[in-house]
Amino acid sequence: DILLETLAKSIHDGRFLRLIRGLLKAG
């Protein structure tokens, strides 16, 4: 959550951030 919140401050693109979240949660 902190990692994505940090990226979201500079990257204003929901689809891109969802892709990064999927990478982190892939297991």
mmCIF file of all heavy atoms, coordinates in Angstrom:
data_MODEL
# 
_entry.id   MODEL 
# 
loop_
_atom_site.group_PDB 
_atom_site.id 
_atom_site.type_symbol 
_atom_site.label_atom_id 
_atom_site.label_alt_id 
_atom_site.label_comp_id 
_atom_site.label_asym_id 
_atom_site.label_entity_id 
_atom_site.label_seq_id 
_atom_site.pdbx_PDB_ins_code 
_atom_site.Cartn_x 
_atom_site.Cartn_y 
_atom_site.Cartn_z 
_atom_site.occupancy 
_atom_site.B_iso_or_equiv 
_atom_site.pdbx_formal_charge 
_atom_site.auth_seq_id 
_atom_site.auth_comp_id 
_atom_site.auth_asym_id 
_atom_site.auth_atom_id 
_atom_site.pdbx_PDB_model_num 
ATOM 1   N N   . ASP A 1 1  ? 0.831  -1.210  0.000   1.00 0.00 ? 1  ASP A N   1 
ATOM 2   C CA  . ASP A 1 1  ? 0.000  0.000   0.000   1.00 0.00 ? 1  ASP A CA  1 
ATOM 3   C C   . ASP A 1 1  ? 0.864  1.259   0.000   1.00 0.00 ? 1  ASP A C   1 
ATOM 4   O O   . ASP A 1 1  ? 0.602  2.207   -0.757  1.00 0.00 ? 1  ASP A O   1 
ATOM 5   C CB  . ASP A 1 1  ? -0.931 -0.002  1.213   1.00 0.00 ? 1  ASP A CB  1 
ATOM 6   C CG  . ASP A 1 1  ? -2.030 -1.046  1.106   1.00 0.00 ? 1  ASP A CG  1 
ATOM 7   O OD1 . ASP A 1 1  ? -2.343 -1.457  -0.030  1.00 0.00 ? 1  ASP A OD1 1 
ATOM 8   O OD2 . ASP A 1 1  ? -2.564 -1.454  2.152   1.00 0.00 ? 1  ASP A OD2 1 
ATOM 9   N N   . ILE A 1 2  ? 1.884  1.290   0.843   1.00 0.00 ? 2  ILE A N   1 
ATOM 10  C CA  . ILE A 1 2  ? 2.760  2.468   0.896   1.00 0.00 ? 2  ILE A CA  1 
ATOM 11  C C   . ILE A 1 2  ? 3.511  2.630   -0.424  1.00 0.00 ? 2  ILE A C   1 
ATOM 12  O O   . ILE A 1 2  ? 3.666  3.749   -0.937  1.00 0.00 ? 2  ILE A O   1 
ATOM 13  C CB  . ILE A 1 2  ? 3.746  2.353   2.073   1.00 0.00 ? 2  ILE A CB  1 
ATOM 14  C CG1 . ILE A 1 2  ? 2.994  2.426   3.404   1.00 0.00 ? 2  ILE A CG1 1 
ATOM 15  C CG2 . ILE A 1 2  ? 4.817  3.442   1.995   1.00 0.00 ? 2  ILE A CG2 1 
ATOM 16  C CD1 . ILE A 1 2  ? 3.867  2.241   4.623   1.00 0.00 ? 2  ILE A CD1 1 
ATOM 17  N N   . LEU A 1 3  ? 3.961  1.521   -0.982  1.00 0.00 ? 3  LEU A N   1 
ATOM 18  C CA  . LEU A 1 3  ? 4.680  1.565   -2.249  1.00 0.00 ? 3  LEU A CA  1 
ATOM 19  C C   . LEU A 1 3  ? 3.799  2.141   -3.354  1.00 0.00 ? 3  LEU A C   1 
ATOM 20  O O   . LEU A 1 3  ? 4.219  3.019   -4.122  1.00 0.00 ? 3  LEU A O   1 
ATOM 21  C CB  . LEU A 1 3  ? 5.134  0.149   -2.613  1.00 0.00 ? 3  LEU A CB  1 
ATOM 22  C CG  . LEU A 1 3  ? 6.161  -0.012  -3.731  1.00 0.00 ? 3  LEU A CG  1 
ATOM 23  C CD1 . LEU A 1 3  ? 7.430  0.754   -3.441  1.00 0.00 ? 3  LEU A CD1 1 
ATOM 24  C CD2 . LEU A 1 3  ? 6.475  -1.486  -3.926  1.00 0.00 ? 3  LEU A CD2 1 
ATOM 25  N N   . LEU A 1 4  ? 2.566  1.680   -3.430  1.00 0.00 ? 4  LEU A N   1 
ATOM 26  C CA  . LEU A 1 4  ? 1.651  2.163   -4.468  1.00 0.00 ? 4  LEU A CA  1 
ATOM 27  C C   . LEU A 1 4  ? 1.224  3.605   -4.221  1.00 0.00 ? 4  LEU A C   1 
ATOM 28  O O   . LEU A 1 4  ? 1.065  4.388   -5.163  1.00 0.00 ? 4  LEU A O   1 
ATOM 29  C CB  . LEU A 1 4  ? 0.434  1.250   -4.541  1.00 0.00 ? 4  LEU A CB  1 
ATOM 30  C CG  . LEU A 1 4  ? 0.717  -0.135  -5.140  1.00 0.00 ? 4  LEU A CG  1 
ATOM 31  C CD1 . LEU A 1 4  ? -0.416 -1.101  -4.834  1.00 0.00 ? 4  LEU A CD1 1 
ATOM 32  C CD2 . LEU A 1 4  ? 0.934  -0.040  -6.642  1.00 0.00 ? 4  LEU A CD2 1 
ATOM 33  N N   . GLU A 1 5  ? 1.047  3.968   -2.959  1.00 0.00 ? 5  GLU A N   1 
ATOM 34  C CA  . GLU A 1 5  ? 0.711  5.357   -2.637  1.00 0.00 ? 5  GLU A CA  1 
ATOM 35  C C   . GLU A 1 5  ? 1.844  6.293   -3.049  1.00 0.00 ? 5  GLU A C   1 
ATOM 36  O O   . GLU A 1 5  ? 1.600  7.413   -3.526  1.00 0.00 ? 5  GLU A O   1 
ATOM 37  C CB  . GLU A 1 5  ? 0.436  5.497   -1.136  1.00 0.00 ? 5  GLU A CB  1 
ATOM 38  C CG  . GLU A 1 5  ? -0.893 4.897   -0.693  1.00 0.00 ? 5  GLU A CG  1 
ATOM 39  C CD  . GLU A 1 5  ? -1.022 4.861   0.821   1.00 0.00 ? 5  GLU A CD  1 
ATOM 40  O OE1 . GLU A 1 5  ? -0.133 5.412   1.511   1.00 0.00 ? 5  GLU A OE1 1 
ATOM 41  O OE2 . GLU A 1 5  ? -2.002 4.277   1.325   1.00 0.00 ? 5  GLU A OE2 1 
ATOM 42  N N   . THR A 1 6  ? 3.075  5.839   -2.861  1.00 0.00 ? 6  THR A N   1 
ATOM 43  C CA  . THR A 1 6  ? 4.230  6.644   -3.257  1.00 0.00 ? 6  THR A CA  1 
ATOM 44  C C   . THR A 1 6  ? 4.272  6.824   -4.772  1.00 0.00 ? 6  THR A C   1 
ATOM 45  O O   . THR A 1 6  ? 4.491  7.932   -5.277  1.00 0.00 ? 6  THR A O   1 
ATOM 46  C CB  . THR A 1 6  ? 5.541  5.983   -2.774  1.00 0.00 ? 6  THR A CB  1 
ATOM 47  O OG1 . THR A 1 6  ? 5.496  5.838   -1.355  1.00 0.00 ? 6  THR A OG1 1 
ATOM 48  C CG2 . THR A 1 6  ? 6.753  6.820   -3.154  1.00 0.00 ? 6  THR A CG2 1 
ATOM 49  N N   . LEU A 1 7  ? 4.040  5.739   -5.512  1.00 0.00 ? 7  LEU A N   1 
ATOM 50  C CA  . LEU A 1 7  ? 4.014  5.841   -6.970  1.00 0.00 ? 7  LEU A CA  1 
ATOM 51  C C   . LEU A 1 7  ? 2.866  6.731   -7.447  1.00 0.00 ? 7  LEU A C   1 
ATOM 52  O O   . LEU A 1 7  ? 3.017  7.498   -8.405  1.00 0.00 ? 7  LEU A O   1 
ATOM 53  C CB  . LEU A 1 7  ? 3.869  4.445   -7.579  1.00 0.00 ? 7  LEU A CB  1 
ATOM 54  C CG  . LEU A 1 7  ? 5.103  3.544   -7.570  1.00 0.00 ? 7  LEU A CG  1 
ATOM 55  C CD1 . LEU A 1 7  ? 4.751  2.161   -8.116  1.00 0.00 ? 7  LEU A CD1 1 
ATOM 56  C CD2 . LEU A 1 7  ? 6.245  4.141   -8.361  1.00 0.00 ? 7  LEU A CD2 1 
ATOM 57  N N   . ALA A 1 8  ? 1.715  6.639   -6.769  1.00 0.00 ? 8  ALA A N   1 
ATOM 58  C CA  . ALA A 1 8  ? 0.532  7.387   -7.194  1.00 0.00 ? 8  ALA A CA  1 
ATOM 59  C C   . ALA A 1 8  ? 0.720  8.896   -7.064  1.00 0.00 ? 8  ALA A C   1 
ATOM 60  O O   . ALA A 1 8  ? 0.029  9.669   -7.735  1.00 0.00 ? 8  ALA A O   1 
ATOM 61  C CB  . ALA A 1 8  ? -0.687 6.943   -6.382  1.00 0.00 ? 8  ALA A CB  1 
ATOM 62  N N   . LYS A 1 9  ? 1.651  9.332   -6.227  1.00 0.00 ? 9  LYS A N   1 
ATOM 63  C CA  . LYS A 1 9  ? 1.912  10.773  -6.109  1.00 0.00 ? 9  LYS A CA  1 
ATOM 64  C C   . LYS A 1 9  ? 2.504  11.343  -7.394  1.00 0.00 ? 9  LYS A C   1 
ATOM 65  O O   . LYS A 1 9  ? 2.316  12.519  -7.695  1.00 0.00 ? 9  LYS A O   1 
ATOM 66  C CB  . LYS A 1 9  ? 2.868  11.026  -4.943  1.00 0.00 ? 9  LYS A CB  1 
ATOM 67  C CG  . LYS A 1 9  ? 2.270  10.736  -3.573  1.00 0.00 ? 9  LYS A CG  1 
ATOM 68  C CD  . LYS A 1 9  ? 3.302  10.948  -2.471  1.00 0.00 ? 9  LYS A CD  1 
ATOM 69  C CE  . LYS A 1 9  ? 2.711  10.627  -1.107  1.00 0.00 ? 9  LYS A CE  1 
ATOM 70  N NZ  . LYS A 1 9  ? 3.708  10.773  -0.015  1.00 0.00 ? 9  LYS A NZ  1 
ATOM 71  N N   . SER A 1 10 ? 3.226  10.497  -8.128  1.00 0.00 ? 10 SER A N   1 
ATOM 72  C CA  . SER A 1 10 ? 3.880  10.963  -9.348  1.00 0.00 ? 10 SER A CA  1 
ATOM 73  C C   . SER A 1 10 ? 3.260  10.401  -10.624 1.00 0.00 ? 10 SER A C   1 
ATOM 74  O O   . SER A 1 10 ? 3.450  10.973  -11.695 1.00 0.00 ? 10 SER A O   1 
ATOM 75  C CB  . SER A 1 10 ? 5.373  10.574  -9.321  1.00 0.00 ? 10 SER A CB  1 
ATOM 76  O OG  . SER A 1 10 ? 6.039  11.160  -8.221  1.00 0.00 ? 10 SER A OG  1 
ATOM 77  N N   . ILE A 1 11 ? 2.534  9.295   -10.504 1.00 0.00 ? 11 ILE A N   1 
ATOM 78  C CA  . ILE A 1 11 ? 1.954  8.654   -11.683 1.00 0.00 ? 11 ILE A CA  1 
ATOM 79  C C   . ILE A 1 11 ? 0.439  8.693   -11.572 1.00 0.00 ? 11 ILE A C   1 
ATOM 80  O O   . ILE A 1 11 ? -0.149 8.001   -10.735 1.00 0.00 ? 11 ILE A O   1 
ATOM 81  C CB  . ILE A 1 11 ? 2.450  7.201   -11.814 1.00 0.00 ? 11 ILE A CB  1 
ATOM 82  C CG1 . ILE A 1 11 ? 3.975  7.194   -11.949 1.00 0.00 ? 11 ILE A CG1 1 
ATOM 83  C CG2 . ILE A 1 11 ? 1.803  6.514   -13.017 1.00 0.00 ? 11 ILE A CG2 1 
ATOM 84  C CD1 . ILE A 1 11 ? 4.581  5.826   -11.949 1.00 0.00 ? 11 ILE A CD1 1 
ATOM 85  N N   . HIS A 1 12 ? -0.187 9.497   -12.404 1.00 0.00 ? 12 HIS A N   1 
ATOM 86  C CA  . HIS A 1 12 ? -1.629 9.678   -12.350 1.00 0.00 ? 12 HIS A CA  1 
ATOM 87  C C   . HIS A 1 12 ? -2.288 8.841   -13.446 1.00 0.00 ? 12 HIS A C   1 
ATOM 88  O O   . HIS A 1 12 ? -2.779 9.358   -14.455 1.00 0.00 ? 12 HIS A O   1 
ATOM 89  C CB  . HIS A 1 12 ? -1.979 11.165  -12.515 1.00 0.00 ? 12 HIS A CB  1 
ATOM 90  C CG  . HIS A 1 12 ? -1.378 12.042  -11.451 1.00 0.00 ? 12 HIS A CG  1 
ATOM 91  N ND1 . HIS A 1 12 ? -1.415 13.421  -11.489 1.00 0.00 ? 12 HIS A ND1 1 
ATOM 92  C CD2 . HIS A 1 12 ? -0.711 11.717  -10.298 1.00 0.00 ? 12 HIS A CD2 1 
ATOM 93  C CE1 . HIS A 1 12 ? -0.804 13.918  -10.419 1.00 0.00 ? 12 HIS A CE1 1 
ATOM 94  N NE2 . HIS A 1 12 ? -0.375 12.899  -9.685  1.00 0.00 ? 12 HIS A NE2 1 
ATOM 95  N N   . ASP A 1 13 ? -2.253 7.546   -13.247 1.00 0.00 ? 13 ASP A N   1 
ATOM 96  C CA  . ASP A 1 13 ? -2.799 6.618   -14.232 1.00 0.00 ? 13 ASP A CA  1 
ATOM 97  C C   . ASP A 1 13 ? -3.254 5.364   -13.500 1.00 0.00 ? 13 ASP A C   1 
ATOM 98  O O   . ASP A 1 13 ? -2.442 4.532   -13.107 1.00 0.00 ? 13 ASP A O   1 
ATOM 99  C CB  . ASP A 1 13 ? -1.734 6.283   -15.284 1.00 0.00 ? 13 ASP A CB  1 
ATOM 100 C CG  . ASP A 1 13 ? -2.283 5.454   -16.437 1.00 0.00 ? 13 ASP A CG  1 
ATOM 101 O OD1 . ASP A 1 13 ? -3.209 4.657   -16.213 1.00 0.00 ? 13 ASP A OD1 1 
ATOM 102 O OD2 . ASP A 1 13 ? -1.778 5.596   -17.564 1.00 0.00 ? 13 ASP A OD2 1 
ATOM 103 N N   . GLY A 1 14 ? -4.566 5.239   -13.314 1.00 0.00 ? 14 GLY A N   1 
ATOM 104 C CA  . GLY A 1 14 ? -5.116 4.133   -12.539 1.00 0.00 ? 14 GLY A CA  1 
ATOM 105 C C   . GLY A 1 14 ? -4.825 2.767   -13.147 1.00 0.00 ? 14 GLY A C   1 
ATOM 106 O O   . GLY A 1 14 ? -4.552 1.807   -12.433 1.00 0.00 ? 14 GLY A O   1 
ATOM 107 N N   . ARG A 1 15 ? -4.893 2.655   -14.468 1.00 0.00 ? 15 ARG A N   1 
ATOM 108 C CA  . ARG A 1 15 ? -4.641 1.362   -15.106 1.00 0.00 ? 15 ARG A CA  1 
ATOM 109 C C   . ARG A 1 15 ? -3.203 0.907   -14.887 1.00 0.00 ? 15 ARG A C   1 
ATOM 110 O O   . ARG A 1 15 ? -2.945 -0.273  -14.635 1.00 0.00 ? 15 ARG A O   1 
ATOM 111 C CB  . ARG A 1 15 ? -4.934 1.445   -16.608 1.00 0.00 ? 15 ARG A CB  1 
ATOM 112 C CG  . ARG A 1 15 ? -6.405 1.565   -16.953 1.00 0.00 ? 15 ARG A CG  1 
ATOM 113 C CD  . ARG A 1 15 ? -6.646 1.283   -18.421 1.00 0.00 ? 15 ARG A CD  1 
ATOM 114 N NE  . ARG A 1 15 ? -5.954 2.248   -19.286 1.00 0.00 ? 15 ARG A NE  1 
ATOM 115 C CZ  . ARG A 1 15 ? -5.891 2.140   -20.605 1.00 0.00 ? 15 ARG A CZ  1 
ATOM 116 N NH1 . ARG A 1 15 ? -6.463 1.108   -21.223 1.00 0.00 ? 15 ARG A NH1 1 
ATOM 117 N NH2 . ARG A 1 15 ? -5.280 3.059   -21.333 1.00 0.00 ? 15 ARG A NH2 1 
ATOM 118 N N   . PHE A 1 16 ? -2.281 1.837   -14.981 1.00 0.00 ? 16 PHE A N   1 
ATOM 119 C CA  . PHE A 1 16 ? -0.877 1.493   -14.779 1.00 0.00 ? 16 PHE A CA  1 
ATOM 120 C C   . PHE A 1 16 ? -0.636 1.038   -13.343 1.00 0.00 ? 16 PHE A C   1 
ATOM 121 O O   . PHE A 1 16 ? 0.049  0.047   -13.093 1.00 0.00 ? 16 PHE A O   1 
ATOM 122 C CB  . PHE A 1 16 ? 0.004  2.706   -15.108 1.00 0.00 ? 16 PHE A CB  1 
ATOM 123 C CG  . PHE A 1 16 ? 1.474  2.427   -15.055 1.00 0.00 ? 16 PHE A CG  1 
ATOM 124 C CD1 . PHE A 1 16 ? 2.127  1.845   -16.124 1.00 0.00 ? 16 PHE A CD1 1 
ATOM 125 C CD2 . PHE A 1 16 ? 2.214  2.746   -13.928 1.00 0.00 ? 16 PHE A CD2 1 
ATOM 126 C CE1 . PHE A 1 16 ? 3.490  1.580   -16.079 1.00 0.00 ? 16 PHE A CE1 1 
ATOM 127 C CE2 . PHE A 1 16 ? 3.568  2.493   -13.868 1.00 0.00 ? 16 PHE A CE2 1 
ATOM 128 C CZ  . PHE A 1 16 ? 4.215  1.909   -14.949 1.00 0.00 ? 16 PHE A CZ  1 
ATOM 129 N N   . LEU A 1 17 ? -1.216 1.741   -12.390 1.00 0.00 ? 17 LEU A N   1 
ATOM 130 C CA  . LEU A 1 17 ? -1.037 1.380   -10.984 1.00 0.00 ? 17 LEU A CA  1 
ATOM 131 C C   . LEU A 1 17 ? -1.692 0.037   -10.666 1.00 0.00 ? 17 LEU A C   1 
ATOM 132 O O   . LEU A 1 17 ? -1.169 -0.733  -9.851  1.00 0.00 ? 17 LEU A O   1 
ATOM 133 C CB  . LEU A 1 17 ? -1.596 2.489   -10.087 1.00 0.00 ? 17 LEU A CB  1 
ATOM 134 C CG  . LEU A 1 17 ? -0.857 3.833   -10.161 1.00 0.00 ? 17 LEU A CG  1 
ATOM 135 C CD1 . LEU A 1 17 ? -1.593 4.888   -9.341  1.00 0.00 ? 17 LEU A CD1 1 
ATOM 136 C CD2 . LEU A 1 17 ? 0.583  3.703   -9.681  1.00 0.00 ? 17 LEU A CD2 1 
ATOM 137 N N   . ARG A 1 18 ? -2.817 -0.265  -11.297 1.00 0.00 ? 18 ARG A N   1 
ATOM 138 C CA  . ARG A 1 18 ? -3.451 -1.575  -11.086 1.00 0.00 ? 18 ARG A CA  1 
ATOM 139 C C   . ARG A 1 18 ? -2.557 -2.689  -11.618 1.00 0.00 ? 18 ARG A C   1 
ATOM 140 O O   . ARG A 1 18 ? -2.484 -3.777  -11.030 1.00 0.00 ? 18 ARG A O   1 
ATOM 141 C CB  . ARG A 1 18 ? -4.823 -1.628  -11.768 1.00 0.00 ? 18 ARG A CB  1 
ATOM 142 C CG  . ARG A 1 18 ? -5.915 -0.868  -11.038 1.00 0.00 ? 18 ARG A CG  1 
ATOM 143 C CD  . ARG A 1 18 ? -7.301 -1.277  -11.511 1.00 0.00 ? 18 ARG A CD  1 
ATOM 144 N NE  . ARG A 1 18 ? -7.513 -0.959  -12.914 1.00 0.00 ? 18 ARG A NE  1 
ATOM 145 C CZ  . ARG A 1 18 ? -7.949 0.225   -13.356 1.00 0.00 ? 18 ARG A CZ  1 
ATOM 146 N NH1 . ARG A 1 18 ? -8.201 1.203   -12.489 1.00 0.00 ? 18 ARG A NH1 1 
ATOM 147 N NH2 . ARG A 1 18 ? -8.147 0.429   -14.645 1.00 0.00 ? 18 ARG A NH2 1 
ATOM 148 N N   . LEU A 1 19 ? -1.870 -2.419  -12.709 1.00 0.00 ? 19 LEU A N   1 
ATOM 149 C CA  . LEU A 1 19 ? -0.948 -3.416  -13.256 1.00 0.00 ? 19 LEU A CA  1 
ATOM 150 C C   . LEU A 1 19 ? 0.201  -3.680  -12.279 1.00 0.00 ? 19 LEU A C   1 
ATOM 151 O O   . LEU A 1 19 ? 0.597  -4.834  -12.069 1.00 0.00 ? 19 LEU A O   1 
ATOM 152 C CB  . LEU A 1 19 ? -0.390 -2.925  -14.600 1.00 0.00 ? 19 LEU A CB  1 
ATOM 153 C CG  . LEU A 1 19 ? 0.501  -3.908  -15.361 1.00 0.00 ? 19 LEU A CG  1 
ATOM 154 C CD1 . LEU A 1 19 ? -0.295 -5.128  -15.813 1.00 0.00 ? 19 LEU A CD1 1 
ATOM 155 C CD2 . LEU A 1 19 ? 1.166  -3.216  -16.546 1.00 0.00 ? 19 LEU A CD2 1 
ATOM 156 N N   . ILE A 1 20 ? 0.734  -2.628  -11.668 1.00 0.00 ? 20 ILE A N   1 
ATOM 157 C CA  . ILE A 1 20 ? 1.801  -2.782  -10.678 1.00 0.00 ? 20 ILE A CA  1 
ATOM 158 C C   . ILE A 1 20 ? 1.290  -3.539  -9.456  1.00 0.00 ? 20 ILE A C   1 
ATOM 159 O O   . ILE A 1 20 ? 1.974  -4.409  -8.908  1.00 0.00 ? 20 ILE A O   1 
ATOM 160 C CB  . ILE A 1 20 ? 2.360  -1.415  -10.255 1.00 0.00 ? 20 ILE A CB  1 
ATOM 161 C CG1 . ILE A 1 20 ? 3.000  -0.700  -11.454 1.00 0.00 ? 20 ILE A CG1 1 
ATOM 162 C CG2 . ILE A 1 20 ? 3.383  -1.579  -9.136  1.00 0.00 ? 20 ILE A CG2 1 
ATOM 163 C CD1 . ILE A 1 20 ? 4.203  -1.385  -12.029 1.00 0.00 ? 20 ILE A CD1 1 
ATOM 164 N N   . ARG A 1 21 ? 0.066  -3.220  -9.027  1.00 0.00 ? 21 ARG A N   1 
ATOM 165 C CA  . ARG A 1 21 ? -0.512 -3.939  -7.881  1.00 0.00 ? 21 ARG A CA  1 
ATOM 166 C C   . ARG A 1 21 ? -0.643 -5.430  -8.202  1.00 0.00 ? 21 ARG A C   1 
ATOM 167 O O   . ARG A 1 21 ? -0.356 -6.281  -7.359  1.00 0.00 ? 21 ARG A O   1 
ATOM 168 C CB  . ARG A 1 21 ? -1.878 -3.355  -7.509  1.00 0.00 ? 21 ARG A CB  1 
ATOM 169 C CG  . ARG A 1 21 ? -2.558 -4.088  -6.349  1.00 0.00 ? 21 ARG A CG  1 
ATOM 170 C CD  . ARG A 1 21 ? -3.884 -3.458  -5.974  1.00 0.00 ? 21 ARG A CD  1 
ATOM 171 N NE  . ARG A 1 21 ? -3.700 -2.185  -5.301  1.00 0.00 ? 21 ARG A NE  1 
ATOM 172 C CZ  . ARG A 1 21 ? -3.424 -2.055  -4.015  1.00 0.00 ? 21 ARG A CZ  1 
ATOM 173 N NH1 . ARG A 1 21 ? -3.299 -3.131  -3.238  1.00 0.00 ? 21 ARG A NH1 1 
ATOM 174 N NH2 . ARG A 1 21 ? -3.292 -0.860  -3.490  1.00 0.00 ? 21 ARG A NH2 1 
ATOM 175 N N   . GLY A 1 22 ? -1.062 -5.741  -9.412  1.00 0.00 ? 22 GLY A N   1 
ATOM 176 C CA  . GLY A 1 22 ? -1.182 -7.132  -9.803  1.00 0.00 ? 22 GLY A CA  1 
ATOM 177 C C   . GLY A 1 22 ? 0.152  -7.852  -9.756  1.00 0.00 ? 22 GLY A C   1 
ATOM 178 O O   . GLY A 1 22 ? 0.230  -9.022  -9.368  1.00 0.00 ? 22 GLY A O   1 
ATOM 179 N N   . LEU A 1 23 ? 1.218  -7.155  -10.130 1.00 0.00 ? 23 LEU A N   1 
ATOM 180 C CA  . LEU A 1 23 ? 2.560  -7.739  -10.062 1.00 0.00 ? 23 LEU A CA  1 
ATOM 181 C C   . LEU A 1 23 ? 2.944  -8.050  -8.622  1.00 0.00 ? 23 LEU A C   1 
ATOM 182 O O   . LEU A 1 23 ? 3.465  -9.131  -8.320  1.00 0.00 ? 23 LEU A O   1 
ATOM 183 C CB  . LEU A 1 23 ? 3.563  -6.761  -10.674 1.00 0.00 ? 23 LEU A CB  1 
ATOM 184 C CG  . LEU A 1 23 ? 5.052  -7.083  -10.502 1.00 0.00 ? 23 LEU A CG  1 
ATOM 185 C CD1 . LEU A 1 23 ? 5.401  -8.412  -11.159 1.00 0.00 ? 23 LEU A CD1 1 
ATOM 186 C CD2 . LEU A 1 23 ? 5.906  -5.957  -11.084 1.00 0.00 ? 23 LEU A CD2 1 
ATOM 187 N N   . LEU A 1 24 ? 2.681  -7.120  -7.719  1.00 0.00 ? 24 LEU A N   1 
ATOM 188 C CA  . LEU A 1 24 ? 3.035  -7.305  -6.314  1.00 0.00 ? 24 LEU A CA  1 
ATOM 189 C C   . LEU A 1 24 ? 2.231  -8.440  -5.667  1.00 0.00 ? 24 LEU A C   1 
ATOM 190 O O   . LEU A 1 24 ? 2.714  -9.110  -4.749  1.00 0.00 ? 24 LEU A O   1 
ATOM 191 C CB  . LEU A 1 24 ? 2.813  -6.004  -5.542  1.00 0.00 ? 24 LEU A CB  1 
ATOM 192 C CG  . LEU A 1 24 ? 3.725  -4.828  -5.915  1.00 0.00 ? 24 LEU A CG  1 
ATOM 193 C CD1 . LEU A 1 24 ? 3.235  -3.550  -5.253  1.00 0.00 ? 24 LEU A CD1 1 
ATOM 194 C CD2 . LEU A 1 24 ? 5.169  -5.109  -5.518  1.00 0.00 ? 24 LEU A CD2 1 
ATOM 195 N N   . LYS A 1 25 ? 1.021  -8.638  -6.144  1.00 0.00 ? 25 LYS A N   1 
ATOM 196 C CA  . LYS A 1 25 ? 0.113  -9.619  -5.531  1.00 0.00 ? 25 LYS A CA  1 
ATOM 197 C C   . LYS A 1 25 ? 0.120  -10.976 -6.246  1.00 0.00 ? 25 LYS A C   1 
ATOM 198 O O   . LYS A 1 25 ? -0.661 -11.863 -5.894  1.00 0.00 ? 25 LYS A O   1 
ATOM 199 C CB  . LYS A 1 25 ? -1.325 -9.067  -5.524  1.00 0.00 ? 25 LYS A CB  1 
ATOM 200 C CG  . LYS A 1 25 ? -1.509 -7.775  -4.735  1.00 0.00 ? 25 LYS A CG  1 
ATOM 201 C CD  . LYS A 1 25 ? -1.299 -7.984  -3.251  1.00 0.00 ? 25 LYS A CD  1 
ATOM 202 C CE  . LYS A 1 25 ? -1.641 -6.724  -2.461  1.00 0.00 ? 25 LYS A CE  1 
ATOM 203 N NZ  . LYS A 1 25 ? -1.375 -6.902  -1.003  1.00 0.00 ? 25 LYS A NZ  1 
ATOM 204 N N   . ALA A 1 26 ? 0.998  -11.151 -7.227  1.00 0.00 ? 26 ALA A N   1 
ATOM 205 C CA  . ALA A 1 26 ? 0.945  -12.367 -8.047  1.00 0.00 ? 26 ALA A CA  1 
ATOM 206 C C   . ALA A 1 26 ? 1.298  -13.630 -7.277  1.00 0.00 ? 26 ALA A C   1 
ATOM 207 O O   . ALA A 1 26 ? 0.908  -14.730 -7.660  1.00 0.00 ? 26 ALA A O   1 
ATOM 208 C CB  . ALA A 1 26 ? 1.876  -12.222 -9.248  1.00 0.00 ? 26 ALA A CB  1 
ATOM 209 N N   . GLY A 1 27 ? 2.059  -13.494 -6.198  1.00 0.00 ? 27 GLY A N   1 
ATOM 210 C CA  . GLY A 1 27 ? 2.420  -14.667 -5.406  1.00 0.00 ? 27 GLY A CA  1 
ATOM 211 C C   . GLY A 1 27 ? 3.622  -15.398 -5.967  1.00 0.00 ? 27 GLY A C   1 
ATOM 212 O O   . GLY A 1 27 ? 4.270  -14.961 -6.917  1.00 0.00 ? 27 GLY A O   1 
# 
